[in-house]
Amino acid sequence: MSEKKLGFIGAGNMATAIINGILRNKAKPADRISVFDLDAEKLRMMRENGVNTVSSGAELVADSDIIVLAVKPQNYDEVLRAIRSAVDETKVFVTIAAGISIDYVRHGLEKNCPMVRVMPNTPLLLGRGATAICRSDNISDSDFEEVYNMFALSGAAAILPESQMNAVIAVNGSSPAYFYLFAKAMTDYAVSVGIDREVALSLVCKTMEGSAEMLRSSGDTPETLIQKVSSKGGTTIEAMKVFNERGLPEIVNDAMAACTKRAEELGK
């Protein structure tokens, strides 16, 4: 990465994951990273890692070249108002909140700043994230590459047009919760028939990992892989009948559409 100074407004889980990925991969020294948060304890933990902390969002913006807005969508208006006076159009801003568009941030800052819109997910905390990224027209290739690498260091990253950034939240941003729900339902069933919960959860987790690797590496489509497990007259096909009779594919589609609708509401 370049020698540009990196700043984070917000020191929650996602900001921590991004910073840890940068430090773990020695992509930027800790003294080139600054953080502001209202939570003094979070700032103390950042200082323990050698990261600079500041006393306000405006101070952070003034001292940073690339600023990551790592706050909840509901807090964006307040944050943008607080930092507006410190912003000029040399500053690069990164939004990682669901539904918050490039134009939304520019309107709040009253500046046509270079921007990157990002949708990461929580497995970024383990260095196994899946992140969608789009860029504004006026950001330099070098600045965009620096932001892209911040997320690619901690998993996979894909570049999309902004027109798809609300929809992709259902695909990668919110989707870990879908898998957790499925894992919980499977584990609860196992417990109901006398299998130890920890044993069941371990088997479910390893099955999910292996199934993901099969999807990634086998060259087969999901439909083909389902067919390979579902022997005629066997056990799997009976389970698949229930899923299809109960409309699981339609339920998933409707849930993802609801996720996208909420992202659009948050950005208004």
Protein backbone atom coordinates (compact mmCIF):
# COMPACT_ATOMS: atom_id res chain seq x y z
CA MET A 1 0.00 0.00 0.00
CA SER A 2 1.02 3.64 -0.40
CA GLU A 3 2.22 5.98 2.32
CA LYS A 4 -1.17 7.67 2.45
CA LYS A 5 -2.71 8.04 5.89
CA LEU A 6 -5.75 5.89 6.57
CA GLY A 7 -8.52 6.95 8.96
CA PHE A 8 -11.52 5.14 10.42
CA ILE A 9 -14.59 6.82 11.88
CA GLY A 10 -15.98 4.01 14.02
CA ALA A 11 -13.98 1.29 15.76
CA GLY A 12 -16.48 -1.56 15.79
CA ASN A 13 -16.10 -5.13 14.56
CA MET A 14 -15.79 -4.30 10.87
CA ALA A 15 -13.25 -1.51 11.33
CA THR A 16 -11.27 -3.78 13.65
CA ALA A 17 -11.33 -6.59 11.09
CA ILE A 18 -10.07 -4.32 8.30
CA ILE A 19 -7.32 -2.83 10.47
CA ASN A 20 -6.24 -6.24 11.74
CA GLY A 21 -6.00 -7.50 8.15
CA ILE A 22 -3.80 -4.56 7.19
CA LEU A 23 -1.52 -5.01 10.20
CA ARG A 24 -1.42 -8.82 9.95
CA ASN A 25 -0.29 -8.58 6.34
CA LYS A 26 2.11 -5.69 7.06
CA ALA A 27 0.41 -3.66 4.33
CA LYS A 28 0.67 -0.41 6.27
CA PRO A 29 2.37 0.45 9.59
CA ALA A 30 0.09 1.11 12.54
CA ASP A 31 1.33 4.68 12.87
CA ARG A 32 -0.19 5.50 9.45
CA ILE A 33 -3.66 4.50 10.69
CA SER A 34 -5.93 6.66 12.87
CA VAL A 35 -9.29 5.96 14.48
CA PHE A 36 -12.06 7.99 16.06
CA ASP A 37 -14.91 6.50 18.07
CA LEU A 38 -17.15 7.77 20.87
CA ASP A 39 -16.31 4.62 22.89
CA ALA A 40 -13.16 5.27 24.93
CA GLU A 41 -12.61 1.56 25.54
CA LYS A 42 -12.51 0.81 21.83
CA LEU A 43 -9.96 3.58 21.34
CA ARG A 44 -7.84 2.18 24.17
CA MET A 45 -7.77 -1.20 22.45
CA MET A 46 -6.70 0.46 19.20
CA ARG A 47 -3.85 2.25 20.94
CA GLU A 48 -2.65 -1.06 22.34
CA ASN A 49 -2.14 -2.17 18.72
CA GLY A 50 -0.13 0.94 17.96
CA VAL A 51 -2.93 2.67 16.05
CA ASN A 52 -3.36 6.43 16.50
CA THR A 53 -6.56 7.72 18.09
CA VAL A 54 -8.03 11.21 17.82
CA SER A 55 -10.67 13.19 19.68
CA SER A 56 -13.11 14.00 16.86
CA GLY A 57 -14.20 12.99 13.40
CA ALA A 58 -13.16 16.37 12.00
CA GLU A 59 -9.65 15.93 13.41
CA LEU A 60 -9.42 12.49 11.85
CA VAL A 61 -10.51 13.78 8.44
CA ALA A 62 -8.01 16.64 8.55
CA ASP A 63 -5.15 14.21 9.28
CA SER A 64 -6.15 11.39 6.87
CA ASP A 65 -6.02 10.86 3.11
CA ILE A 66 -8.47 7.92 2.93
CA ILE A 67 -11.37 7.90 5.39
CA VAL A 68 -13.46 4.79 6.08
CA LEU A 69 -16.95 5.56 7.40
CA ALA A 70 -17.39 2.50 9.65
CA VAL A 71 -20.63 3.50 11.37
CA LYS A 72 -24.21 2.24 11.16
CA PRO A 73 -26.42 3.60 8.34
CA GLN A 74 -28.63 5.38 10.89
CA ASN A 75 -25.62 7.42 12.11
CA TYR A 76 -24.39 8.64 8.73
CA ASP A 77 -26.23 11.97 8.67
CA GLU A 78 -24.86 12.95 12.08
CA VAL A 79 -21.30 11.90 11.18
CA LEU A 80 -21.32 13.65 7.80
CA ARG A 81 -22.52 16.89 9.36
CA ALA A 82 -19.82 16.69 12.03
CA ILE A 83 -16.94 16.29 9.57
CA ARG A 84 -18.19 18.46 6.69
CA SER A 85 -16.08 21.50 7.58
CA ALA A 86 -12.84 19.46 7.49
CA VAL A 87 -13.46 17.91 4.06
CA ASP A 88 -11.96 18.93 0.74
CA GLU A 89 -12.06 17.11 -2.58
CA THR A 90 -8.61 15.58 -2.17
CA LYS A 91 -10.04 13.26 0.52
CA VAL A 92 -11.08 9.75 -0.48
CA PHE A 93 -14.11 8.36 1.37
CA VAL A 94 -15.10 4.73 1.80
CA THR A 95 -18.63 3.75 2.83
CA ILE A 96 -19.19 0.25 4.21
CA ALA A 97 -22.78 0.61 5.46
CA ALA A 98 -25.75 -1.16 3.90
CA GLY A 99 -27.72 1.05 1.52
CA ILE A 100 -25.42 4.09 1.77
CA SER A 101 -24.58 5.19 -1.77
CA ILE A 102 -21.79 7.32 -3.17
CA ASP A 103 -24.23 10.17 -3.87
CA TYR A 104 -25.64 9.93 -0.34
CA VAL A 105 -22.20 10.59 1.16
CA ARG A 106 -21.33 13.33 -1.32
CA HIS A 107 -24.64 15.07 -0.60
CA GLY A 108 -23.98 14.91 3.13
CA LEU A 109 -20.43 16.24 2.75
CA GLU A 110 -21.43 18.84 0.14
CA LYS A 111 -18.30 17.83 -1.77
CA ASN A 112 -17.62 15.75 -4.90
CA CYS A 113 -15.02 13.59 -3.15
CA PRO A 114 -13.55 10.44 -4.71
CA MET A 115 -15.48 7.51 -3.27
CA VAL A 116 -15.48 3.75 -2.88
CA ARG A 117 -18.64 1.93 -1.81
CA VAL A 118 -18.02 -1.41 -0.12
CA MET A 119 -20.21 -4.25 1.14
CA PRO A 120 -18.13 -6.57 3.33
CA ASN A 121 -19.32 -9.36 5.62
CA THR A 122 -18.48 -10.50 9.14
CA PRO A 123 -16.19 -13.45 8.19
CA LEU A 124 -13.75 -10.65 7.40
CA LEU A 125 -13.01 -10.92 11.13
CA LEU A 126 -11.36 -14.29 10.43
CA GLY A 127 -9.61 -13.20 7.24
CA ARG A 128 -12.21 -15.09 5.19
CA GLY A 129 -14.52 -12.30 4.12
CA ALA A 130 -16.46 -11.87 0.88
CA THR A 131 -16.58 -8.21 -0.17
CA ALA A 132 -18.31 -6.38 -3.02
CA ILE A 133 -16.77 -3.07 -4.14
CA CYS A 134 -17.59 -0.26 -6.55
CA ARG A 135 -15.82 3.01 -7.35
CA SER A 136 -16.73 6.56 -8.26
CA ASP A 137 -15.68 7.91 -11.64
CA ASN A 138 -13.28 10.46 -10.16
CA ILE A 139 -11.11 8.19 -7.99
CA SER A 140 -7.58 7.45 -9.19
CA ASP A 141 -6.61 3.90 -10.04
CA SER A 142 -3.95 3.93 -7.32
CA ASP A 143 -6.37 5.08 -4.59
CA PHE A 144 -8.99 2.55 -5.69
CA GLU A 145 -6.40 -0.23 -5.69
CA GLU A 146 -5.37 0.70 -2.15
CA VAL A 147 -8.96 0.49 -0.91
CA TYR A 148 -9.59 -2.72 -2.85
CA ASN A 149 -6.53 -4.34 -1.27
CA MET A 150 -7.69 -3.39 2.22
CA PHE A 151 -10.53 -5.88 1.79
CA ALA A 152 -8.85 -8.40 -0.50
CA LEU A 153 -6.23 -8.94 2.24
CA SER A 154 -8.96 -10.50 4.38
CA GLY A 155 -10.76 -12.72 1.86
CA ALA A 156 -12.28 -12.46 -1.59
CA ALA A 157 -13.27 -9.16 -3.21
CA ALA A 158 -15.37 -8.56 -6.34
CA ILE A 159 -15.85 -5.31 -8.28
CA LEU A 160 -19.46 -4.49 -9.21
CA PRO A 161 -21.33 -1.50 -10.67
CA GLU A 162 -23.06 0.58 -8.03
CA SER A 163 -26.44 -0.35 -9.51
CA GLN A 164 -25.93 -3.84 -8.03
CA MET A 165 -24.64 -2.83 -4.59
CA ASN A 166 -28.00 -2.92 -2.80
CA ALA A 167 -28.88 -6.31 -4.28
CA VAL A 168 -25.49 -7.86 -3.45
CA ILE A 169 -26.07 -7.25 0.27
CA ALA A 170 -28.44 -10.24 0.19
CA VAL A 171 -25.75 -12.31 -1.52
CA ASN A 172 -22.73 -11.66 0.72
CA GLY A 173 -23.42 -9.01 3.36
CA SER A 174 -26.42 -10.51 5.14
CA SER A 175 -26.07 -14.09 3.95
CA PRO A 176 -23.87 -15.43 6.79
CA ALA A 177 -27.00 -15.21 8.94
CA TYR A 178 -28.87 -17.48 6.51
CA PHE A 179 -26.25 -20.20 6.92
CA TYR A 180 -26.22 -19.76 10.70
CA LEU A 181 -30.01 -20.24 10.76
CA PHE A 182 -29.73 -23.40 8.67
CA ALA A 183 -26.92 -24.69 10.91
CA LYS A 184 -29.01 -23.97 14.02
CA ALA A 185 -32.02 -25.83 12.61
CA MET A 186 -29.86 -28.84 11.68
CA THR A 187 -28.17 -28.87 15.09
CA ASP A 188 -31.48 -28.53 16.93
CA TYR A 189 -32.82 -31.56 15.05
CA ALA A 190 -29.73 -33.58 15.94
CA VAL A 191 -30.18 -32.75 19.62
CA SER A 192 -33.86 -33.73 19.43
CA VAL A 193 -32.86 -37.26 18.38
CA GLY A 194 -30.21 -37.61 21.09
CA ILE A 195 -26.99 -36.45 19.37
CA ASP A 196 -24.70 -34.28 21.47
CA ARG A 197 -24.99 -30.59 20.44
CA GLU A 198 -21.24 -29.99 20.15
CA VAL A 199 -20.76 -33.15 18.08
CA ALA A 200 -23.65 -32.18 15.79
CA LEU A 201 -22.41 -28.60 15.35
CA SER A 202 -18.92 -29.82 14.53
CA LEU A 203 -20.30 -32.15 11.85
CA VAL A 204 -22.55 -29.43 10.42
CA CYS A 205 -19.69 -26.91 10.26
CA LYS A 206 -17.34 -29.33 8.52
CA THR A 207 -20.10 -30.30 6.10
CA MET A 208 -20.70 -26.64 5.26
CA GLU A 209 -16.97 -26.08 4.71
CA GLY A 210 -16.66 -29.15 2.50
CA SER A 211 -19.79 -28.30 0.52
CA ALA A 212 -18.47 -24.78 -0.12
CA GLU A 213 -15.20 -26.24 -1.39
CA MET A 214 -17.11 -28.64 -3.67
CA LEU A 215 -19.04 -25.68 -5.12
CA ARG A 216 -15.80 -23.77 -5.64
CA SER A 217 -13.55 -26.54 -6.95
CA SER A 218 -15.54 -29.38 -8.51
CA GLY A 219 -16.56 -27.57 -11.69
CA ASP A 220 -20.14 -28.75 -11.14
CA THR A 221 -23.19 -26.51 -10.87
CA PRO A 222 -25.20 -26.49 -7.63
CA GLU A 223 -27.92 -28.46 -9.44
CA THR A 224 -25.44 -31.16 -10.49
CA LEU A 225 -24.01 -31.44 -7.00
CA ILE A 226 -27.52 -31.84 -5.56
CA GLN A 227 -28.17 -34.65 -8.04
CA LYS A 228 -24.92 -36.40 -7.10
CA VAL A 229 -25.99 -36.53 -3.44
CA SER A 230 -29.63 -37.38 -4.15
CA SER A 231 -29.60 -41.06 -5.11
CA LYS A 232 -32.90 -42.36 -6.48
CA GLY A 233 -34.88 -43.98 -3.68
CA GLY A 234 -32.39 -42.80 -1.08
CA THR A 235 -32.50 -40.58 2.00
CA THR A 236 -31.36 -37.24 0.60
CA ILE A 237 -34.04 -37.12 -2.05
CA GLU A 238 -36.71 -37.42 0.66
CA ALA A 239 -35.30 -34.37 2.43
CA MET A 240 -35.13 -32.45 -0.86
CA LYS A 241 -38.78 -33.29 -1.55
CA VAL A 242 -39.79 -31.63 1.72
CA PHE A 243 -37.66 -28.55 1.04
CA ASN A 244 -39.18 -28.13 -2.40
CA GLU A 245 -42.75 -28.90 -1.30
CA ARG A 246 -42.44 -26.28 1.45
CA GLY A 247 -41.09 -23.77 -1.09
CA LEU A 248 -37.57 -23.29 0.28
CA PRO A 249 -36.20 -21.77 -2.99
CA GLU A 250 -39.10 -19.29 -3.04
CA ILE A 251 -38.60 -18.48 0.65
CA VAL A 252 -34.91 -17.73 0.03
CA ASN A 253 -35.79 -15.55 -2.97
CA ASP A 254 -38.39 -13.60 -0.97
CA ALA A 255 -36.01 -13.15 1.97
CA MET A 256 -33.25 -11.81 -0.26
CA ALA A 257 -35.68 -9.44 -1.97
CA ALA A 258 -36.74 -8.13 1.46
CA CYS A 259 -33.07 -7.57 2.31
CA THR A 260 -32.57 -5.54 -0.87
CA LYS A 261 -35.74 -3.51 -0.22
CA ARG A 262 -34.49 -2.56 3.23
CA ALA A 263 -31.12 -1.50 1.82
CA GLU A 264 -32.92 0.82 -0.58
CA GLU A 265 -34.93 2.29 2.30
CA LEU A 266 -31.80 2.93 4.38
CA GLY A 267 -30.23 4.91 1.54
CA LYS A 268 -33.12 7.36 1.17
